[in-house]
Amino acid sequence: MTKKTKNKTTTEEPANTVKKTDKNPEIFSRIFYTLLFAFISWMTIWVFAFVVLIQFGFLLITGKVNKNLKGFNQEVGLFLYDMIKYLSFQTNDKPFPFRDWPYGDEVETENKNELNTNSVVKASK
């Protein structure tokens, strides 16, 4: 419907027409959390790498790995794994702080190739 008033033409929409501006709020929530966890992942990778360098320092000085750093990096690695699963749409479960932190409780068994605190690392010939 068009109205003309002194050299101005305006278009009015019928009252029963509603513009569809309501997007799915879950999509916007997912976008927000994806950006947030992408940033947190980037920061966490730097922490992970820093701890790896410190672990190499312990290894060079003492010949053994530090069990506290090993446990910490294991938990950080599992946290990164959860974030990557969320970011790559493998799961809808958000990682910490939306779930409990103690990631170390999930991995009770040790791999045979895993370095123990008593293991001495020998250089290959």
C-alpha atoms as a PDB file:
ATOM      1  CA  MET A   1       0.000   0.000   0.000  1.00  0.00           C
ATOM      2  CA  THR A   2       1.409   3.385  -0.952  1.00  0.00           C
ATOM      3  CA  LYS A   3       0.506   6.768   0.446  1.00  0.00           C
ATOM      4  CA  LYS A   4       1.258  10.019  -1.283  1.00  0.00           C
ATOM      5  CA  THR A   5       1.633  13.216   0.693  1.00  0.00           C
ATOM      6  CA  LYS A   6       2.997  16.388  -0.849  1.00  0.00           C
ATOM      7  CA  ASN A   7       5.850  15.031  -2.968  1.00  0.00           C
ATOM      8  CA  LYS A   8       6.639  12.200  -0.500  1.00  0.00           C
ATOM      9  CA  THR A   9       5.824   8.602  -1.171  1.00  0.00           C
ATOM     10  CA  THR A  10       5.845   6.170   1.748  1.00  0.00           C
ATOM     11  CA  THR A  11       5.316   2.457   1.742  1.00  0.00           C
ATOM     12  CA  GLU A  12       3.436   0.875   4.610  1.00  0.00           C
ATOM     13  CA  GLU A  13       3.493  -2.801   5.378  1.00  0.00           C
ATOM     14  CA  PRO A  14       0.253  -4.485   6.345  1.00  0.00           C
ATOM     15  CA  ALA A  15      -0.184  -4.862  10.115  1.00  0.00           C
ATOM     16  CA  ASN A  16      -0.314  -8.650   9.956  1.00  0.00           C
ATOM     17  CA  THR A  17       3.157  -8.995   8.355  1.00  0.00           C
ATOM     18  CA  VAL A  18       5.887  -9.806  10.868  1.00  0.00           C
ATOM     19  CA  LYS A  19       9.566  -9.642   9.952  1.00  0.00           C
ATOM     20  CA  LYS A  20      11.434 -12.784  10.880  1.00  0.00           C
ATOM     21  CA  THR A  21      14.283 -11.444  13.000  1.00  0.00           C
ATOM     22  CA  ASP A  22      14.207 -14.141  15.674  1.00  0.00           C
ATOM     23  CA  LYS A  23      17.169 -16.418  14.958  1.00  0.00           C
ATOM     24  CA  ASN A  24      17.809 -19.564  16.903  1.00  0.00           C
ATOM     25  CA  PRO A  25      19.441 -18.364  20.171  1.00  0.00           C
ATOM     26  CA  GLU A  26      21.383 -21.635  20.437  1.00  0.00           C
ATOM     27  CA  ILE A  27      23.313 -20.738  17.294  1.00  0.00           C
ATOM     28  CA  PHE A  28      24.397 -17.389  18.723  1.00  0.00           C
ATOM     29  CA  SER A  29      25.270 -19.074  21.994  1.00  0.00           C
ATOM     30  CA  ARG A  30      27.372 -21.647  20.105  1.00  0.00           C
ATOM     31  CA  ILE A  31      29.147 -18.885  18.173  1.00  0.00           C
ATOM     32  CA  PHE A  32      29.940 -17.031  21.399  1.00  0.00           C
ATOM     33  CA  TYR A  33      31.272 -20.128  23.169  1.00  0.00           C
ATOM     34  CA  THR A  34      33.223 -21.190  20.092  1.00  0.00           C
ATOM     35  CA  LEU A  35      35.013 -17.854  19.944  1.00  0.00           C
ATOM     36  CA  LEU A  36      35.585 -17.895  23.705  1.00  0.00           C
ATOM     37  CA  PHE A  37      37.004 -21.438  23.752  1.00  0.00           C
ATOM     38  CA  ALA A  38      39.119 -20.759  20.648  1.00  0.00           C
ATOM     39  CA  PHE A  39      40.784 -17.878  22.505  1.00  0.00           C
ATOM     40  CA  ILE A  40      41.162 -19.939  25.694  1.00  0.00           C
ATOM     41  CA  SER A  41      42.654 -22.810  23.647  1.00  0.00           C
ATOM     42  CA  TRP A  42      45.215 -20.491  22.107  1.00  0.00           C
ATOM     43  CA  MET A  43      46.262 -19.240  25.550  1.00  0.00           C
ATOM     44  CA  THR A  44      46.309 -22.771  26.980  1.00  0.00           C
ATOM     45  CA  ILE A  45      48.598 -24.036  24.209  1.00  0.00           C
ATOM     46  CA  TRP A  46      51.155 -21.397  25.242  1.00  0.00           C
ATOM     47  CA  VAL A  47      50.945 -22.533  28.878  1.00  0.00           C
ATOM     48  CA  PHE A  48      51.277 -26.152  27.750  1.00  0.00           C
ATOM     49  CA  ALA A  49      54.371 -25.332  25.651  1.00  0.00           C
ATOM     50  CA  PHE A  50      55.946 -23.356  28.508  1.00  0.00           C
ATOM     51  CA  VAL A  51      55.512 -26.279  30.904  1.00  0.00           C
ATOM     52  CA  VAL A  52      57.049 -28.609  28.297  1.00  0.00           C
ATOM     53  CA  LEU A  53      60.130 -26.379  28.169  1.00  0.00           C
ATOM     54  CA  ILE A  54      60.374 -26.368  31.959  1.00  0.00           C
ATOM     55  CA  GLN A  55      60.049 -30.166  31.945  1.00  0.00           C
ATOM     56  CA  PHE A  56      62.981 -30.363  29.514  1.00  0.00           C
ATOM     57  CA  GLY A  57      64.968 -28.233  31.961  1.00  0.00           C
ATOM     58  CA  PHE A  58      64.231 -30.705  34.763  1.00  0.00           C
ATOM     59  CA  LEU A  59      65.146 -33.559  32.450  1.00  0.00           C
ATOM     60  CA  LEU A  60      68.483 -32.001  31.513  1.00  0.00           C
ATOM     61  CA  ILE A  61      69.390 -31.130  35.100  1.00  0.00           C
ATOM     62  CA  THR A  62      68.162 -34.191  37.009  1.00  0.00           C
ATOM     63  CA  GLY A  63      67.796 -36.798  34.265  1.00  0.00           C
ATOM     64  CA  LYS A  64      64.215 -37.415  35.427  1.00  0.00           C
ATOM     65  CA  VAL A  65      60.858 -35.871  34.648  1.00  0.00           C
ATOM     66  CA  ASN A  66      59.060 -33.874  37.328  1.00  0.00           C
ATOM     67  CA  LYS A  67      55.924 -35.784  38.341  1.00  0.00           C
ATOM     68  CA  ASN A  68      53.999 -32.635  39.295  1.00  0.00           C
ATOM     69  CA  LEU A  69      54.631 -30.993  35.923  1.00  0.00           C
ATOM     70  CA  LYS A  70      53.827 -34.256  34.188  1.00  0.00           C
ATOM     71  CA  GLY A  71      50.474 -34.498  35.955  1.00  0.00           C
ATOM     72  CA  PHE A  72      49.693 -30.837  35.319  1.00  0.00           C
ATOM     73  CA  ASN A  73      50.450 -31.084  31.604  1.00  0.00           C
ATOM     74  CA  GLN A  74      48.381 -34.260  31.367  1.00  0.00           C
ATOM     75  CA  GLU A  75      45.372 -32.401  32.750  1.00  0.00           C
ATOM     76  CA  VAL A  76      46.023 -29.386  30.519  1.00  0.00           C
ATOM     77  CA  GLY A  77      46.284 -31.730  27.527  1.00  0.00           C
ATOM     78  CA  LEU A  78      42.952 -33.342  28.379  1.00  0.00           C
ATOM     79  CA  PHE A  79      41.423 -29.878  28.775  1.00  0.00           C
ATOM     80  CA  LEU A  80      42.742 -28.921  25.325  1.00  0.00           C
ATOM     81  CA  TYR A  81      41.344 -32.172  23.927  1.00  0.00           C
ATOM     82  CA  ASP A  82      37.895 -31.335  25.322  1.00  0.00           C
ATOM     83  CA  MET A  83      38.048 -27.841  23.850  1.00  0.00           C
ATOM     84  CA  ILE A  84      39.081 -29.172  20.438  1.00  0.00           C
ATOM     85  CA  LYS A  85      36.208 -31.665  20.502  1.00  0.00           C
ATOM     86  CA  TYR A  86      33.792 -28.807  21.269  1.00  0.00           C
ATOM     87  CA  LEU A  87      35.293 -26.445  18.687  1.00  0.00           C
ATOM     88  CA  SER A  88      35.189 -29.100  15.952  1.00  0.00           C
ATOM     89  CA  PHE A  89      31.528 -29.948  16.659  1.00  0.00           C
ATOM     90  CA  GLN A  90      32.382 -33.468  17.846  1.00  0.00           C
ATOM     91  CA  THR A  91      30.393 -32.816  21.007  1.00  0.00           C
ATOM     92  CA  ASN A  92      28.040 -30.232  22.462  1.00  0.00           C
ATOM     93  CA  ASP A  93      29.456 -30.710  25.961  1.00  0.00           C
ATOM     94  CA  LYS A  94      31.363 -27.614  26.965  1.00  0.00           C
ATOM     95  CA  PRO A  95      34.688 -28.137  28.764  1.00  0.00           C
ATOM     96  CA  PHE A  96      35.693 -26.595  32.089  1.00  0.00           C
ATOM     97  CA  PRO A  97      34.168 -24.455  33.709  1.00  0.00           C
ATOM     98  CA  PHE A  98      30.957 -26.090  32.497  1.00  0.00           C
ATOM     99  CA  ARG A  99      32.119 -29.444  33.831  1.00  0.00           C
ATOM    100  CA  ASP A 100      34.348 -30.507  36.704  1.00  0.00           C
ATOM    101  CA  TRP A 101      38.091 -29.881  36.416  1.00  0.00           C
ATOM    102  CA  PRO A 102      39.791 -32.987  37.783  1.00  0.00           C
ATOM    103  CA  TYR A 103      40.728 -34.386  34.393  1.00  0.00           C
ATOM    104  CA  GLY A 104      43.486 -36.465  35.985  1.00  0.00           C
ATOM    105  CA  ASP A 105      40.904 -38.776  37.582  1.00  0.00           C
ATOM    106  CA  GLU A 106      39.756 -39.937  34.139  1.00  0.00           C
ATOM    107  CA  VAL A 107      43.102 -41.485  33.220  1.00  0.00           C
ATOM    108  CA  GLU A 108      44.025 -43.920  35.972  1.00  0.00           C
ATOM    109  CA  THR A 109      46.054 -46.422  33.990  1.00  0.00           C
ATOM    110  CA  GLU A 110      49.531 -45.605  32.787  1.00  0.00           C
ATOM    111  CA  ASN A 111      50.845 -46.491  29.377  1.00  0.00           C
ATOM    112  CA  LYS A 112      53.856 -48.829  29.265  1.00  0.00           C
ATOM    113  CA  ASN A 113      55.774 -46.286  27.176  1.00  0.00           C
ATOM    114  CA  GLU A 114      54.984 -43.455  29.587  1.00  0.00           C
ATOM    115  CA  LEU A 115      57.890 -41.950  31.496  1.00  0.00           C
ATOM    116  CA  ASN A 116      57.764 -42.519  35.224  1.00  0.00           C
ATOM    117  CA  THR A 117      59.307 -40.161  37.745  1.00  0.00           C
ATOM    118  CA  ASN A 118      61.976 -42.804  38.370  1.00  0.00           C
ATOM    119  CA  SER A 119      62.693 -43.362  34.680  1.00  0.00           C
ATOM    120  CA  VAL A 120      66.026 -42.187  33.416  1.00  0.00           C
ATOM    121  CA  VAL A 121      66.011 -40.934  29.862  1.00  0.00           C
ATOM    122  CA  LYS A 122      68.913 -42.234  27.835  1.00  0.00           C
ATOM    123  CA  ALA A 123      70.108 -40.632  24.655  1.00  0.00           C
ATOM    124  CA  SER A 124      70.052 -42.856  21.600  1.00  0.00           C
ATOM    125  CA  LYS A 125      73.319 -43.585  19.790  1.00  0.00           C
END
